[in-house]
N, C-alpha and C. Protein backbone atom coordinates (compact mmCIF):
# COMPACT_ATOMS: atom_id res chain seq x y z
N MET A 1 20.73 19.58 -1.88
CA MET A 1 19.71 18.67 -1.43
C MET A 1 20.13 18.02 -0.13
N GLY A 2 19.14 17.64 0.65
CA GLY A 2 19.40 17.01 1.93
C GLY A 2 19.72 15.54 1.79
N THR A 3 19.99 14.92 2.89
CA THR A 3 20.37 13.50 2.90
C THR A 3 19.18 12.58 2.67
N ILE A 4 17.97 13.10 2.72
CA ILE A 4 16.79 12.26 2.53
C ILE A 4 16.77 11.65 1.13
N VAL A 5 17.31 12.35 0.14
CA VAL A 5 17.27 11.86 -1.24
C VAL A 5 18.05 10.58 -1.43
N ILE A 6 18.96 10.24 -0.53
CA ILE A 6 19.75 9.02 -0.70
C ILE A 6 19.09 7.80 -0.05
N LEU A 7 17.97 8.00 0.61
CA LEU A 7 17.29 6.89 1.27
C LEU A 7 16.63 5.97 0.25
N GLN A 8 16.57 4.70 0.61
CA GLN A 8 15.84 3.73 -0.20
C GLN A 8 14.34 3.96 0.00
N LYS A 9 13.52 3.41 -0.88
CA LYS A 9 12.08 3.61 -0.83
C LYS A 9 11.50 3.23 0.53
N ILE A 10 11.87 2.08 1.07
CA ILE A 10 11.34 1.63 2.36
C ILE A 10 11.80 2.56 3.48
N GLU A 11 13.03 3.05 3.40
CA GLU A 11 13.53 3.98 4.41
C GLU A 11 12.78 5.31 4.36
N THR A 12 12.45 5.76 3.16
CA THR A 12 11.69 7.00 2.99
C THR A 12 10.30 6.85 3.60
N LYS A 13 9.68 5.69 3.38
CA LYS A 13 8.36 5.43 3.95
C LYS A 13 8.43 5.40 5.48
N GLU A 14 9.43 4.73 6.02
CA GLU A 14 9.60 4.68 7.48
C GLU A 14 9.83 6.07 8.06
N LEU A 15 10.62 6.89 7.37
CA LEU A 15 10.87 8.25 7.83
C LEU A 15 9.58 9.07 7.82
N ALA A 16 8.79 8.94 6.75
CA ALA A 16 7.53 9.67 6.66
C ALA A 16 6.58 9.27 7.78
N LEU A 17 6.48 7.98 8.05
CA LEU A 17 5.59 7.51 9.11
C LEU A 17 6.04 8.03 10.48
N GLU A 18 7.34 8.01 10.73
CA GLU A 18 7.88 8.52 12.00
C GLU A 18 7.66 10.03 12.11
N PHE A 19 7.86 10.75 10.99
CA PHE A 19 7.65 12.20 10.99
C PHE A 19 6.21 12.54 11.37
N PHE A 20 5.25 11.89 10.72
CA PHE A 20 3.85 12.19 11.02
C PHE A 20 3.45 11.75 12.42
N LYS A 21 4.02 10.66 12.89
CA LYS A 21 3.75 10.23 14.26
C LYS A 21 4.19 11.31 15.24
N LEU A 22 5.40 11.83 15.05
CA LEU A 22 5.91 12.88 15.92
C LEU A 22 5.18 14.21 15.71
N ALA A 23 4.88 14.54 14.47
CA ALA A 23 4.26 15.83 14.15
C ALA A 23 2.89 15.98 14.82
N PHE A 24 2.17 14.89 14.97
CA PHE A 24 0.82 14.97 15.55
C PHE A 24 0.73 14.40 16.96
N GLU A 25 1.87 14.17 17.57
CA GLU A 25 1.90 13.61 18.92
C GLU A 25 1.40 14.62 19.95
N GLU A 26 0.71 14.11 20.96
CA GLU A 26 0.19 14.94 22.04
C GLU A 26 0.57 14.35 23.39
N ASP A 27 0.56 15.20 24.42
CA ASP A 27 0.82 14.71 25.76
C ASP A 27 -0.45 14.09 26.34
N LYS A 28 -0.41 13.65 27.58
CA LYS A 28 -1.55 12.96 28.18
C LYS A 28 -2.80 13.84 28.30
N ASP A 29 -2.61 15.17 28.28
CA ASP A 29 -3.74 16.10 28.37
C ASP A 29 -4.25 16.53 27.01
N GLY A 30 -3.67 16.00 25.94
CA GLY A 30 -4.12 16.33 24.59
C GLY A 30 -3.49 17.57 23.99
N HIS A 31 -2.41 18.05 24.59
CA HIS A 31 -1.71 19.21 24.06
C HIS A 31 -0.62 18.76 23.09
N ALA A 32 -0.56 19.42 21.95
CA ALA A 32 0.44 19.07 20.94
C ALA A 32 1.85 19.39 21.43
N PHE A 33 2.80 18.54 21.06
CA PHE A 33 4.21 18.81 21.37
C PHE A 33 4.78 19.84 20.40
N PHE A 34 4.28 19.85 19.18
CA PHE A 34 4.78 20.76 18.15
C PHE A 34 3.66 21.66 17.66
N VAL A 35 4.00 22.91 17.36
CA VAL A 35 3.03 23.86 16.83
C VAL A 35 2.96 23.74 15.31
N LEU A 36 4.08 23.42 14.71
CA LEU A 36 4.17 23.40 13.26
C LEU A 36 5.15 22.32 12.82
N ALA A 37 4.76 21.56 11.81
CA ALA A 37 5.65 20.57 11.22
C ALA A 37 5.77 20.91 9.73
N VAL A 38 6.97 21.10 9.24
CA VAL A 38 7.19 21.57 7.88
C VAL A 38 7.90 20.51 7.05
N VAL A 39 7.36 20.28 5.86
CA VAL A 39 8.01 19.44 4.87
C VAL A 39 8.36 20.36 3.71
N HIS A 40 9.64 20.63 3.55
CA HIS A 40 10.11 21.58 2.54
C HIS A 40 9.58 21.22 1.15
N GLY A 41 8.93 22.20 0.52
CA GLY A 41 8.44 22.03 -0.84
C GLY A 41 7.13 21.27 -0.97
N SER A 42 6.54 20.85 0.13
CA SER A 42 5.35 20.00 0.05
C SER A 42 4.11 20.73 -0.45
N ALA A 43 4.09 22.05 -0.38
CA ALA A 43 2.94 22.82 -0.88
C ALA A 43 3.30 23.65 -2.10
N SER A 44 4.35 23.28 -2.79
CA SER A 44 4.82 24.07 -3.92
C SER A 44 3.81 24.14 -5.06
N TYR A 45 2.89 23.21 -5.12
CA TYR A 45 1.88 23.22 -6.17
C TYR A 45 0.73 24.19 -5.87
N LEU A 46 0.65 24.70 -4.65
CA LEU A 46 -0.43 25.61 -4.26
C LEU A 46 -0.08 27.05 -4.62
N PRO A 47 -1.10 27.87 -4.93
CA PRO A 47 -0.82 29.28 -5.21
C PRO A 47 -0.40 30.01 -3.94
N ASP A 48 0.32 31.11 -4.12
CA ASP A 48 0.77 31.93 -3.00
C ASP A 48 -0.43 32.71 -2.46
N ILE A 49 -0.80 32.49 -1.19
CA ILE A 49 -1.98 33.14 -0.62
C ILE A 49 -1.68 34.51 -0.02
N LEU A 50 -0.41 34.85 0.14
CA LEU A 50 -0.08 36.13 0.76
C LEU A 50 -0.57 37.33 -0.04
N PRO A 51 -0.44 37.37 -1.37
CA PRO A 51 -0.98 38.51 -2.10
C PRO A 51 -2.49 38.67 -1.92
N THR A 52 -3.21 37.56 -1.85
CA THR A 52 -4.65 37.61 -1.63
C THR A 52 -4.95 38.18 -0.25
N TRP A 53 -4.24 37.72 0.77
CA TRP A 53 -4.43 38.25 2.12
C TRP A 53 -4.13 39.74 2.17
N GLN A 54 -3.09 40.13 1.44
CA GLN A 54 -2.70 41.53 1.43
C GLN A 54 -3.83 42.40 0.84
N LYS A 55 -4.50 41.92 -0.18
CA LYS A 55 -5.58 42.67 -0.82
C LYS A 55 -6.85 42.67 -0.01
N THR A 56 -7.11 41.59 0.73
CA THR A 56 -8.39 41.44 1.41
C THR A 56 -8.37 41.76 2.90
N THR A 57 -7.18 41.96 3.46
CA THR A 57 -7.06 42.20 4.89
C THR A 57 -6.63 43.65 5.13
N GLN A 58 -7.32 44.29 6.06
CA GLN A 58 -6.95 45.66 6.39
C GLN A 58 -5.60 45.68 7.09
N HIS A 59 -4.86 46.74 6.85
CA HIS A 59 -3.52 46.87 7.44
C HIS A 59 -3.59 47.61 8.74
């Protein structure tokens, strides 16, 4: 596990707020600084869409 698990509740909230601020930040022309922001395990409750894409998308 990473070091995030040792943070106190308020520190975790501050980290989350800073992460989202940075993740969606744009320059003066409206261009994103980041293409992708990943939170490990955050979509673990969702089904795997790759098998569906494999069946429905031509190769």
